[in-house]
Amino acid sequence: MRDRKSDKHRKIHPAPPGNDVHHKDGNKDNNDPMNLEHKPHAEHSKQTGRERHLRKLQRALSMPARKEKLY
C-alpha cells in the first residue's frame, strides 16, 4: 500500500473489501474516527463526484465577473 498522507485514514479506519472510507465533513485532513465511515464504492464515488461538482460551481459563482470578452 502507498504510504501517503491521504492514506492515513485507511490505517485508522480500514474498510472491508468493496467499501471506501468516507470523511463525513469532507475535510481529508480530519482523520478523527468519529469523522470516518464506510460506504460501498459505488455510493462513495457518486457522492464524491457530486461534492466535487458543487465545489466547482461554488468557486465559479464566487469569482468576480470578467470585464474583458472571452472570445
PDB file of N, CA and C in Angstrom:
ATOM      1  N   MET A   1       0.847  -1.189   0.000  1.00  0.00           N
ATOM      2  CA  MET A   1       0.000   0.000   0.000  1.00  0.00           C
ATOM      3  C   MET A   1       0.884   1.242   0.000  1.00  0.00           C
ATOM      4  N   ARG A   2       0.431   2.262  -0.723  1.00  0.00           N
ATOM      5  CA  ARG A   2       1.166   3.529  -0.751  1.00  0.00           C
ATOM      6  C   ARG A   2       1.170   4.132   0.651  1.00  0.00           C
ATOM      7  N   ASP A   3       2.237   4.785   0.984  1.00  0.00           N
ATOM      8  CA  ASP A   3       2.304   5.452   2.285  1.00  0.00           C
ATOM      9  C   ASP A   3       2.278   6.958   2.049  1.00  0.00           C
ATOM     10  N   ARG A   4       1.093   7.469   1.785  1.00  0.00           N
ATOM     11  CA  ARG A   4       0.910   8.893   1.547  1.00  0.00           C
ATOM     12  C   ARG A   4       0.081   9.476   2.678  1.00  0.00           C
ATOM     13  N   LYS A   5       0.136  10.793   2.782  1.00  0.00           N
ATOM     14  CA  LYS A   5      -0.663  11.488   3.800  1.00  0.00           C
ATOM     15  C   LYS A   5      -2.145  11.149   3.647  1.00  0.00           C
ATOM     16  N   SER A   6      -2.608  11.054   2.386  1.00  0.00           N
ATOM     17  CA  SER A   6      -4.026  10.815   2.139  1.00  0.00           C
ATOM     18  C   SER A   6      -4.460   9.390   2.478  1.00  0.00           C
ATOM     19  N   ASP A   7      -3.506   8.491   2.712  1.00  0.00           N
ATOM     20  CA  ASP A   7      -3.850   7.114   3.059  1.00  0.00           C
ATOM     21  C   ASP A   7      -3.976   6.899   4.566  1.00  0.00           C
ATOM     22  N   LYS A   8      -3.689   7.921   5.346  1.00  0.00           N
ATOM     23  CA  LYS A   8      -3.704   7.776   6.803  1.00  0.00           C
ATOM     24  C   LYS A   8      -5.068   7.304   7.313  1.00  0.00           C
ATOM     25  N   HIS A   9      -6.153   7.795   6.714  1.00  0.00           N
ATOM     26  CA  HIS A   9      -7.492   7.420   7.165  1.00  0.00           C
ATOM     27  C   HIS A   9      -7.754   5.928   6.963  1.00  0.00           C
ATOM     28  N   ARG A  10      -7.105   5.316   5.976  1.00  0.00           N
ATOM     29  CA  ARG A  10      -7.296   3.883   5.739  1.00  0.00           C
ATOM     30  C   ARG A  10      -6.665   3.042   6.843  1.00  0.00           C
ATOM     31  N   LYS A  11      -5.606   3.573   7.444  1.00  0.00           N
ATOM     32  CA  LYS A  11      -4.954   2.864   8.557  1.00  0.00           C
ATOM     33  C   LYS A  11      -5.758   3.020   9.844  1.00  0.00           C
ATOM     34  N   ILE A  12      -6.361   4.190  10.013  1.00  0.00           N
ATOM     35  CA  ILE A  12      -7.135   4.468  11.226  1.00  0.00           C
ATOM     36  C   ILE A  12      -8.463   3.714  11.204  1.00  0.00           C
ATOM     37  N   HIS A  13      -9.096   3.665  10.033  1.00  0.00           N
ATOM     38  CA  HIS A  13     -10.444   3.090   9.914  1.00  0.00           C
ATOM     39  C   HIS A  13     -10.502   2.217   8.653  1.00  0.00           C
ATOM     40  N   PRO A  14      -9.826   1.041   8.663  1.00  0.00           N
ATOM     41  CA  PRO A  14      -9.780   0.214   7.448  1.00  0.00           C
ATOM     42  C   PRO A  14     -11.173  -0.239   7.001  1.00  0.00           C
ATOM     43  N   ALA A  15     -11.396  -0.188   5.699  1.00  0.00           N
ATOM     44  CA  ALA A  15     -12.693  -0.563   5.138  1.00  0.00           C
ATOM     45  C   ALA A  15     -12.649  -2.005   4.643  1.00  0.00           C
ATOM     46  N   PRO A  16     -13.761  -2.723   4.772  1.00  0.00           N
ATOM     47  CA  PRO A  16     -13.821  -4.083   4.220  1.00  0.00           C
ATOM     48  C   PRO A  16     -13.782  -4.029   2.696  1.00  0.00           C
ATOM     49  N   PRO A  17     -13.469  -5.140   2.045  1.00  0.00           N
ATOM     50  CA  PRO A  17     -13.411  -5.147   0.574  1.00  0.00           C
ATOM     51  C   PRO A  17     -14.714  -4.633  -0.052  1.00  0.00           C
ATOM     52  N   GLY A  18     -14.571  -3.829  -1.105  1.00  0.00           N
ATOM     53  CA  GLY A  18     -15.736  -3.278  -1.796  1.00  0.00           C
ATOM     54  C   GLY A  18     -16.259  -1.996  -1.193  1.00  0.00           C
ATOM     55  N   ASN A  19     -15.634  -1.550  -0.102  1.00  0.00           N
ATOM     56  CA  ASN A  19     -16.056  -0.315   0.568  1.00  0.00           C
ATOM     57  C   ASN A  19     -14.922   0.694   0.567  1.00  0.00           C
ATOM     58  N   ASP A  20     -15.285   1.957   0.711  1.00  0.00           N
ATOM     59  CA  ASP A  20     -14.318   3.045   0.819  1.00  0.00           C
ATOM     60  C   ASP A  20     -14.526   3.746   2.151  1.00  0.00           C
ATOM     61  N   VAL A  21     -13.483   4.435   2.614  1.00  0.00           N
ATOM     62  CA  VAL A  21     -13.592   5.245   3.822  1.00  0.00           C
ATOM     63  C   VAL A  21     -13.992   6.656   3.398  1.00  0.00           C
ATOM     64  N   HIS A  22     -15.064   7.161   3.988  1.00  0.00           N
ATOM     65  CA  HIS A  22     -15.609   8.478   3.645  1.00  0.00           C
ATOM     66  C   HIS A  22     -15.411   9.431   4.819  1.00  0.00           C
ATOM     67  N   HIS A  23     -14.939  10.656   4.514  1.00  0.00           N
ATOM     68  CA  HIS A  23     -14.831  11.706   5.528  1.00  0.00           C
ATOM     69  C   HIS A  23     -16.176  12.432   5.587  1.00  0.00           C
ATOM     70  N   LYS A  24     -16.874  12.316   6.687  1.00  0.00           N
ATOM     71  CA  LYS A  24     -18.218  12.887   6.807  1.00  0.00           C
ATOM     72  C   LYS A  24     -18.235  14.397   6.588  1.00  0.00           C
ATOM     73  N   ASP A  25     -17.228  15.099   7.102  1.00  0.00           N
ATOM     74  CA  ASP A  25     -17.224  16.564   6.967  1.00  0.00           C
ATOM     75  C   ASP A  25     -16.537  17.047   5.691  1.00  0.00           C
ATOM     76  N   GLY A  26     -16.035  16.119   4.867  1.00  0.00           N
ATOM     77  CA  GLY A  26     -15.397  16.488   3.607  1.00  0.00           C
ATOM     78  C   GLY A  26     -13.959  16.948   3.751  1.00  0.00           C
ATOM     79  N   ASN A  27     -13.461  17.064   4.974  1.00  0.00           N
ATOM     80  CA  ASN A  27     -12.098  17.513   5.228  1.00  0.00           C
ATOM     81  C   ASN A  27     -11.175  16.293   5.282  1.00  0.00           C
ATOM     82  N   LYS A  28     -10.353  16.129   4.242  1.00  0.00           N
ATOM     83  CA  LYS A  28      -9.484  14.955   4.153  1.00  0.00           C
ATOM     84  C   LYS A  28      -8.406  14.931   5.233  1.00  0.00           C
ATOM     85  N   ASP A  29      -8.134  16.074   5.861  1.00  0.00           N
ATOM     86  CA  ASP A  29      -7.130  16.129   6.921  1.00  0.00           C
ATOM     87  C   ASP A  29      -7.705  15.749   8.282  1.00  0.00           C
ATOM     88  N   ASN A  30      -9.030  15.693   8.400  1.00  0.00           N
ATOM     89  CA  ASN A  30      -9.678  15.348   9.666  1.00  0.00           C
ATOM     90  C   ASN A  30      -9.873  13.828   9.717  1.00  0.00           C
ATOM     91  N   ASN A  31      -8.893  13.136  10.299  1.00  0.00           N
ATOM     92  CA  ASN A  31      -8.939  11.677  10.369  1.00  0.00           C
ATOM     93  C   ASN A  31      -9.413  11.173  11.725  1.00  0.00           C
ATOM     94  N   ASP A  32     -10.205  11.963  12.407  1.00  0.00           N
ATOM     95  CA  ASP A  32     -10.815  11.535  13.663  1.00  0.00           C
ATOM     96  C   ASP A  32     -11.742  10.364  13.350  1.00  0.00           C
ATOM     97  N   PRO A  33     -11.637   9.246  14.075  1.00  0.00           N
ATOM     98  CA  PRO A  33     -12.504   8.096  13.795  1.00  0.00           C
ATOM     99  C   PRO A  33     -13.996   8.429  13.782  1.00  0.00           C
ATOM    100  N   MET A  34     -14.419   9.460  14.516  1.00  0.00           N
ATOM    101  CA  MET A  34     -15.832   9.850  14.512  1.00  0.00           C
ATOM    102  C   MET A  34     -16.221  10.524  13.192  1.00  0.00           C
ATOM    103  N   ASN A  35     -15.234  10.969  12.420  1.00  0.00           N
ATOM    104  CA  ASN A  35     -15.483  11.641  11.147  1.00  0.00           C
ATOM    105  C   ASN A  35     -15.413  10.664   9.966  1.00  0.00           C
ATOM    106  N   LEU A  36     -15.047   9.428  10.217  1.00  0.00           N
ATOM    107  CA  LEU A  36     -14.878   8.450   9.145  1.00  0.00           C
ATOM    108  C   LEU A  36     -15.999   7.425   9.163  1.00  0.00           C
ATOM    109  N   GLU A  37     -16.421   7.021   7.961  1.00  0.00           N
ATOM    110  CA  GLU A  37     -17.438   5.974   7.849  1.00  0.00           C
ATOM    111  C   GLU A  37     -17.168   5.155   6.592  1.00  0.00           C
ATOM    112  N   HIS A  38     -17.673   3.932   6.580  1.00  0.00           N
ATOM    113  CA  HIS A  38     -17.546   3.070   5.408  1.00  0.00           C
ATOM    114  C   HIS A  38     -18.749   3.281   4.501  1.00  0.00           C
ATOM    115  N   LYS A  39     -18.471   3.305   3.195  1.00  0.00           N
ATOM    116  CA  LYS A  39     -19.542   3.389   2.193  1.00  0.00           C
ATOM    117  C   LYS A  39     -19.193   2.434   1.070  1.00  0.00           C
ATOM    118  N   PRO A  40     -20.198   1.802   0.464  1.00  0.00           N
ATOM    119  CA  PRO A  40     -19.917   0.997  -0.725  1.00  0.00           C
ATOM    120  C   PRO A  40     -19.251   1.869  -1.787  1.00  0.00           C
ATOM    121  N   HIS A  41     -18.342   1.279  -2.538  1.00  0.00           N
ATOM    122  CA  HIS A  41     -17.552   2.039  -3.504  1.00  0.00           C
ATOM    123  C   HIS A  41     -18.425   2.857  -4.466  1.00  0.00           C
ATOM    124  N   ALA A  42     -19.474   2.256  -5.024  1.00  0.00           N
ATOM    125  CA  ALA A  42     -20.328   2.963  -5.988  1.00  0.00           C
ATOM    126  C   ALA A  42     -20.994   4.174  -5.342  1.00  0.00           C
ATOM    127  N   GLU A  43     -21.509   4.011  -4.136  1.00  0.00           N
ATOM    128  CA  GLU A  43     -22.171   5.119  -3.433  1.00  0.00           C
ATOM    129  C   GLU A  43     -21.168   6.229  -3.115  1.00  0.00           C
ATOM    130  N   HIS A  44     -19.972   5.835  -2.663  1.00  0.00           N
ATOM    131  CA  HIS A  44     -18.938   6.802  -2.323  1.00  0.00           C
ATOM    132  C   HIS A  44     -18.510   7.588  -3.565  1.00  0.00           C
ATOM    133  N   SER A  45     -18.370   6.906  -4.694  1.00  0.00           N
ATOM    134  CA  SER A  45     -17.983   7.575  -5.942  1.00  0.00           C
ATOM    135  C   SER A  45     -19.032   8.592  -6.375  1.00  0.00           C
ATOM    136  N   LYS A  46     -20.303   8.218  -6.292  1.00  0.00           N
ATOM    137  CA  LYS A  46     -21.383   9.146  -6.660  1.00  0.00           C
ATOM    138  C   LYS A  46     -21.372  10.381  -5.764  1.00  0.00           C
ATOM    139  N   GLN A  47     -21.283  10.145  -4.457  1.00  0.00           N
ATOM    140  CA  GLN A  47     -21.330  11.250  -3.504  1.00  0.00           C
ATOM    141  C   GLN A  47     -20.114  12.162  -3.681  1.00  0.00           C
ATOM    142  N   THR A  48     -18.944  11.586  -3.834  1.00  0.00           N
ATOM    143  CA  THR A  48     -17.730  12.380  -4.007  1.00  0.00           C
ATOM    144  C   THR A  48     -17.801  13.192  -5.292  1.00  0.00           C
ATOM    145  N   GLY A  49     -18.316  12.596  -6.366  1.00  0.00           N
ATOM    146  CA  GLY A  49     -18.473  13.314  -7.629  1.00  0.00           C
ATOM    147  C   GLY A  49     -19.407  14.492  -7.493  1.00  0.00           C
ATOM    148  N   ARG A  50     -20.518  14.300  -6.784  1.00  0.00           N
ATOM    149  CA  ARG A  50     -21.477  15.392  -6.561  1.00  0.00           C
ATOM    150  C   ARG A  50     -20.826  16.522  -5.757  1.00  0.00           C
ATOM    151  N   GLU A  51     -20.083  16.145  -4.708  1.00  0.00           N
ATOM    152  CA  GLU A  51     -19.441  17.146  -3.859  1.00  0.00           C
ATOM    153  C   GLU A  51     -18.409  17.946  -4.650  1.00  0.00           C
ATOM    154  N   ARG A  52     -17.627  17.265  -5.502  1.00  0.00           N
ATOM    155  CA  ARG A  52     -16.640  17.971  -6.337  1.00  0.00           C
ATOM    156  C   ARG A  52     -17.336  18.939  -7.290  1.00  0.00           C
ATOM    157  N   HIS A  53     -18.422  18.488  -7.895  1.00  0.00           N
ATOM    158  CA  HIS A  53     -19.167  19.332  -8.827  1.00  0.00           C
ATOM    159  C   HIS A  53     -19.693  20.576  -8.115  1.00  0.00           C
ATOM    160  N   LEU A  54     -20.243  20.410  -6.926  1.00  0.00           N
ATOM    161  CA  LEU A  54     -20.757  21.552  -6.166  1.00  0.00           C
ATOM    162  C   LEU A  54     -19.647  22.533  -5.808  1.00  0.00           C
ATOM    163  N   ARG A  55     -18.471  22.015  -5.416  1.00  0.00           N
ATOM    164  CA  ARG A  55     -17.353  22.901  -5.090  1.00  0.00           C
ATOM    165  C   ARG A  55     -16.922  23.707  -6.318  1.00  0.00           C
ATOM    166  N   LYS A  56     -16.902  23.060  -7.492  1.00  0.00           N
ATOM    167  CA  LYS A  56     -16.550  23.765  -8.725  1.00  0.00           C
ATOM    168  C   LYS A  56     -17.547  24.884  -9.001  1.00  0.00           C
ATOM    169  N   LEU A  57     -18.835  24.585  -8.850  1.00  0.00           N
ATOM    170  CA  LEU A  57     -19.862  25.603  -9.079  1.00  0.00           C
ATOM    171  C   LEU A  57     -19.734  26.760  -8.100  1.00  0.00           C
ATOM    172  N   GLN A  58     -19.477  26.440  -6.838  1.00  0.00           N
ATOM    173  CA  GLN A  58     -19.338  27.483  -5.829  1.00  0.00           C
ATOM    174  C   GLN A  58     -18.149  28.384  -6.133  1.00  0.00           C
ATOM    175  N   ARG A  59     -17.034  27.778  -6.564  1.00  0.00           N
ATOM    176  CA  ARG A  59     -15.859  28.576  -6.933  1.00  0.00           C
ATOM    177  C   ARG A  59     -16.171  29.473  -8.125  1.00  0.00           C
ATOM    178  N   ALA A  60     -16.845  28.906  -9.114  1.00  0.00           N
ATOM    179  CA  ALA A  60     -17.170  29.685 -10.318  1.00  0.00           C
ATOM    180  C   ALA A  60     -18.098  30.845  -9.985  1.00  0.00           C
ATOM    181  N   LEU A  61     -19.068  30.614  -9.119  1.00  0.00           N
ATOM    182  CA  LEU A  61     -20.017  31.671  -8.769  1.00  0.00           C
ATOM    183  C   LEU A  61     -19.397  32.746  -7.883  1.00  0.00           C
ATOM    184  N   SER A  62     -18.352  32.395  -7.160  1.00  0.00           N
ATOM    185  CA  SER A  62     -17.721  33.380  -6.271  1.00  0.00           C
ATOM    186  C   SER A  62     -16.636  34.190  -6.976  1.00  0.00           C
ATOM    187  N   MET A  63     -16.291  33.828  -8.204  1.00  0.00           N
ATOM    188  CA  MET A  63     -15.269  34.579  -8.954  1.00  0.00           C
ATOM    189  C   MET A  63     -15.857  35.908  -9.426  1.00  0.00           C
ATOM    190  N   PRO A  64     -15.042  36.952  -9.403  1.00  0.00           N
ATOM    191  CA  PRO A  64     -15.532  38.230  -9.938  1.00  0.00           C
ATOM    192  C   PRO A  64     -15.756  38.114 -11.437  1.00  0.00           C
ATOM    193  N   ALA A  65     -16.732  38.833 -11.925  1.00  0.00           N
ATOM    194  CA  ALA A  65     -17.049  38.789 -13.352  1.00  0.00           C
ATOM    195  C   ALA A  65     -15.888  39.374 -14.152  1.00  0.00           C
ATOM    196  N   ARG A  66     -15.578  38.736 -15.278  1.00  0.00           N
ATOM    197  CA  ARG A  66     -14.506  39.245 -16.141  1.00  0.00           C
ATOM    198  C   ARG A  66     -15.007  40.450 -16.921  1.00  0.00           C
ATOM    199  N   LYS A  67     -14.166  41.447 -17.054  1.00  0.00           N
ATOM    200  CA  LYS A  67     -14.542  42.649 -17.795  1.00  0.00           C
ATOM    201  C   LYS A  67     -14.227  42.482 -19.263  1.00  0.00           C
ATOM    202  N   GLU A  68     -13.184  41.718 -19.583  1.00  0.00           N
ATOM    203  CA  GLU A  68     -12.851  41.538 -20.989  1.00  0.00           C
ATOM    204  C   GLU A  68     -13.665  40.398 -21.585  1.00  0.00           C
ATOM    205  N   LYS A  69     -13.795  40.416 -22.866  1.00  0.00           N
ATOM    206  CA  LYS A  69     -14.522  39.353 -23.539  1.00  0.00           C
ATOM    207  C   LYS A  69     -13.647  38.105 -23.620  1.00  0.00           C
ATOM    208  N   LEU A  70     -14.261  36.969 -23.536  1.00  0.00           N
ATOM    209  CA  LEU A  70     -13.511  35.717 -23.548  1.00  0.00           C
ATOM    210  C   LEU A  70     -13.375  35.143 -24.960  1.00  0.00           C
ATOM    211  N   TYR A  71     -13.888  35.800 -25.957  1.00  0.00           N
ATOM    212  CA  TYR A  71     -13.807  35.294 -27.329  1.00  0.00           C
ATOM    213  C   TYR A  71     -13.103  36.257 -28.236  1.00  0.00           C
TER     214      TYR A  71
END
